[in-house]
């Protein structure tokens, strides 16, 4: 069973030690909104790390290795392909 984890704030906002235990290798992590600013902080949680294209572009975020941009259509497809989604 896979889960889509959607984060909208920098990792420091959350208890990252708890998150590491909740996110499995089969899960996907998507960054939206201001979480895109802190994408490098999220590497410990998942690889590849997904960023919403429009939010990353609006914040002039440059991609690092291990990061992938997805658009809204891909976001919808990803949501449908996972068993559940959690918005943090």
C-alpha atoms as a PDB file:
ATOM      1  CA  UNK A   1       0.000   0.000   0.000  1.00  0.00           C
ATOM      2  CA  UNK A   2       1.464   3.370  -0.994  1.00  0.00           C
ATOM      3  CA  UNK A   3       0.673   6.787   0.391  1.00  0.00           C
ATOM      4  CA  UNK A   4       1.138  10.225  -1.112  1.00  0.00           C
ATOM      5  CA  UNK A   5       2.458  12.661   1.498  1.00  0.00           C
ATOM      6  CA  UNK A   6       1.846  16.303   0.566  1.00  0.00           C
ATOM      7  CA  UNK A   7       3.832  18.974   2.425  1.00  0.00           C
ATOM      8  CA  UNK A   8       3.163  22.709   2.175  1.00  0.00           C
ATOM      9  CA  UNK A   9       5.600  24.087   4.774  1.00  0.00           C
ATOM     10  CA  UNK A  10       9.365  23.813   5.357  1.00  0.00           C
ATOM     11  CA  UNK A  11      10.460  20.628   7.122  1.00  0.00           C
ATOM     12  CA  UNK A  12      11.369  22.553  10.295  1.00  0.00           C
ATOM     13  CA  UNK A  13       7.632  23.114  10.818  1.00  0.00           C
ATOM     14  CA  UNK A  14       7.134  19.366  11.334  1.00  0.00           C
ATOM     15  CA  UNK A  15       8.676  16.803  13.679  1.00  0.00           C
ATOM     16  CA  UNK A  16      11.010  15.230  11.122  1.00  0.00           C
ATOM     17  CA  UNK A  17      11.986  12.294  13.347  1.00  0.00           C
ATOM     18  CA  UNK A  18       8.353  11.249  13.510  1.00  0.00           C
ATOM     19  CA  UNK A  19       7.952  11.666   9.750  1.00  0.00           C
ATOM     20  CA  UNK A  20      10.920   9.407   9.004  1.00  0.00           C
ATOM     21  CA  UNK A  21       9.096   6.583  10.785  1.00  0.00           C
ATOM     22  CA  UNK A  22       5.802   7.225   8.965  1.00  0.00           C
ATOM     23  CA  UNK A  23       7.020   7.496   5.372  1.00  0.00           C
ATOM     24  CA  UNK A  24       7.824   4.172   3.748  1.00  0.00           C
ATOM     25  CA  UNK A  25      10.014   3.450   0.719  1.00  0.00           C
ATOM     26  CA  UNK A  26       6.928   2.787  -1.402  1.00  0.00           C
ATOM     27  CA  UNK A  27       5.385   6.172  -0.523  1.00  0.00           C
ATOM     28  CA  UNK A  28       5.662   9.373  -2.551  1.00  0.00           C
ATOM     29  CA  UNK A  29       6.473  12.830  -1.167  1.00  0.00           C
ATOM     30  CA  UNK A  30       5.159  15.916  -2.952  1.00  0.00           C
ATOM     31  CA  UNK A  31       6.128  19.454  -1.999  1.00  0.00           C
ATOM     32  CA  UNK A  32       3.719  22.293  -2.701  1.00  0.00           C
ATOM     33  CA  UNK A  33       3.654  25.951  -1.723  1.00  0.00           C
ATOM     34  CA  UNK A  34       6.398  27.125   0.614  1.00  0.00           C
ATOM     35  CA  UNK A  35       7.715  23.591   1.119  1.00  0.00           C
ATOM     36  CA  UNK A  36       9.362  24.017  -2.310  1.00  0.00           C
ATOM     37  CA  UNK A  37      11.735  26.601  -0.786  1.00  0.00           C
ATOM     38  CA  UNK A  38      13.121  23.952   1.560  1.00  0.00           C
ATOM     39  CA  UNK A  39      13.212  20.997  -0.838  1.00  0.00           C
ATOM     40  CA  UNK A  40      16.787  20.058   0.108  1.00  0.00           C
ATOM     41  CA  UNK A  41      15.644  19.459   3.689  1.00  0.00           C
ATOM     42  CA  UNK A  42      13.192  16.786   2.514  1.00  0.00           C
ATOM     43  CA  UNK A  43      15.764  14.500   0.833  1.00  0.00           C
ATOM     44  CA  UNK A  44      15.924  12.267   3.885  1.00  0.00           C
ATOM     45  CA  UNK A  45      12.254  11.355   3.478  1.00  0.00           C
ATOM     46  CA  UNK A  46      12.004  10.128  -0.106  1.00  0.00           C
ATOM     47  CA  UNK A  47      13.805   9.786  -3.418  1.00  0.00           C
ATOM     48  CA  UNK A  48      12.809  11.023  -5.908  1.00  0.00           C
ATOM     49  CA  UNK A  49      11.308  14.071  -4.275  1.00  0.00           C
ATOM     50  CA  UNK A  50       8.400  15.588  -6.207  1.00  0.00           C
ATOM     51  CA  UNK A  51       7.729  19.328  -6.461  1.00  0.00           C
ATOM     52  CA  UNK A  52       4.622  20.897  -7.945  1.00  0.00           C
ATOM     53  CA  UNK A  53       5.831  22.677 -11.090  1.00  0.00           C
ATOM     54  CA  UNK A  54       3.740  25.827 -10.739  1.00  0.00           C
ATOM     55  CA  UNK A  55       4.702  26.335  -7.082  1.00  0.00           C
ATOM     56  CA  UNK A  56       8.407  25.754  -7.730  1.00  0.00           C
ATOM     57  CA  UNK A  57       8.364  28.163 -10.683  1.00  0.00           C
ATOM     58  CA  UNK A  58       6.500  30.839  -8.701  1.00  0.00           C
ATOM     59  CA  UNK A  59       9.233  30.643  -6.048  1.00  0.00           C
ATOM     60  CA  UNK A  60      12.129  30.461  -8.550  1.00  0.00           C
ATOM     61  CA  UNK A  61      13.288  27.152  -7.079  1.00  0.00           C
ATOM     62  CA  UNK A  62      16.142  25.483  -8.951  1.00  0.00           C
ATOM     63  CA  UNK A  63      16.051  21.705  -9.045  1.00  0.00           C
ATOM     64  CA  UNK A  64      18.732  19.599  -7.437  1.00  0.00           C
ATOM     65  CA  UNK A  65      19.520  15.984  -8.305  1.00  0.00           C
ATOM     66  CA  UNK A  66      16.814  13.679  -6.970  1.00  0.00           C
ATOM     67  CA  UNK A  67      14.048  16.255  -7.440  1.00  0.00           C
ATOM     68  CA  UNK A  68      11.329  15.973 -10.074  1.00  0.00           C
ATOM     69  CA  UNK A  69       8.775  18.549 -11.169  1.00  0.00           C
ATOM     70  CA  UNK A  70       5.203  17.461 -11.796  1.00  0.00           C
ATOM     71  CA  UNK A  71       2.297  19.508 -13.145  1.00  0.00           C
ATOM     72  CA  UNK A  72      -1.302  19.501 -11.947  1.00  0.00           C
ATOM     73  CA  UNK A  73      -2.362  16.715 -14.320  1.00  0.00           C
ATOM     74  CA  UNK A  74       0.465  14.512 -13.010  1.00  0.00           C
ATOM     75  CA  UNK A  75      -0.525  15.471  -9.451  1.00  0.00           C
ATOM     76  CA  UNK A  76      -4.056  14.209 -10.085  1.00  0.00           C
ATOM     77  CA  UNK A  77      -2.749  10.985 -11.658  1.00  0.00           C
ATOM     78  CA  UNK A  78      -0.408  10.474  -8.701  1.00  0.00           C
ATOM     79  CA  UNK A  79      -3.270  10.950  -6.258  1.00  0.00           C
ATOM     80  CA  UNK A  80      -5.321   8.344  -8.122  1.00  0.00           C
ATOM     81  CA  UNK A  81      -2.422   5.872  -8.279  1.00  0.00           C
ATOM     82  CA  UNK A  82      -1.783   5.785  -4.528  1.00  0.00           C
ATOM     83  CA  UNK A  83      -3.974   4.131  -1.927  1.00  0.00           C
ATOM     84  CA  UNK A  84      -4.298   7.268   0.168  1.00  0.00           C
ATOM     85  CA  UNK A  85      -2.963  10.799   0.499  1.00  0.00           C
ATOM     86  CA  UNK A  86      -2.039  12.759   3.597  1.00  0.00           C
ATOM     87  CA  UNK A  87      -1.703  16.523   3.572  1.00  0.00           C
ATOM     88  CA  UNK A  88       0.586  17.725   6.338  1.00  0.00           C
END
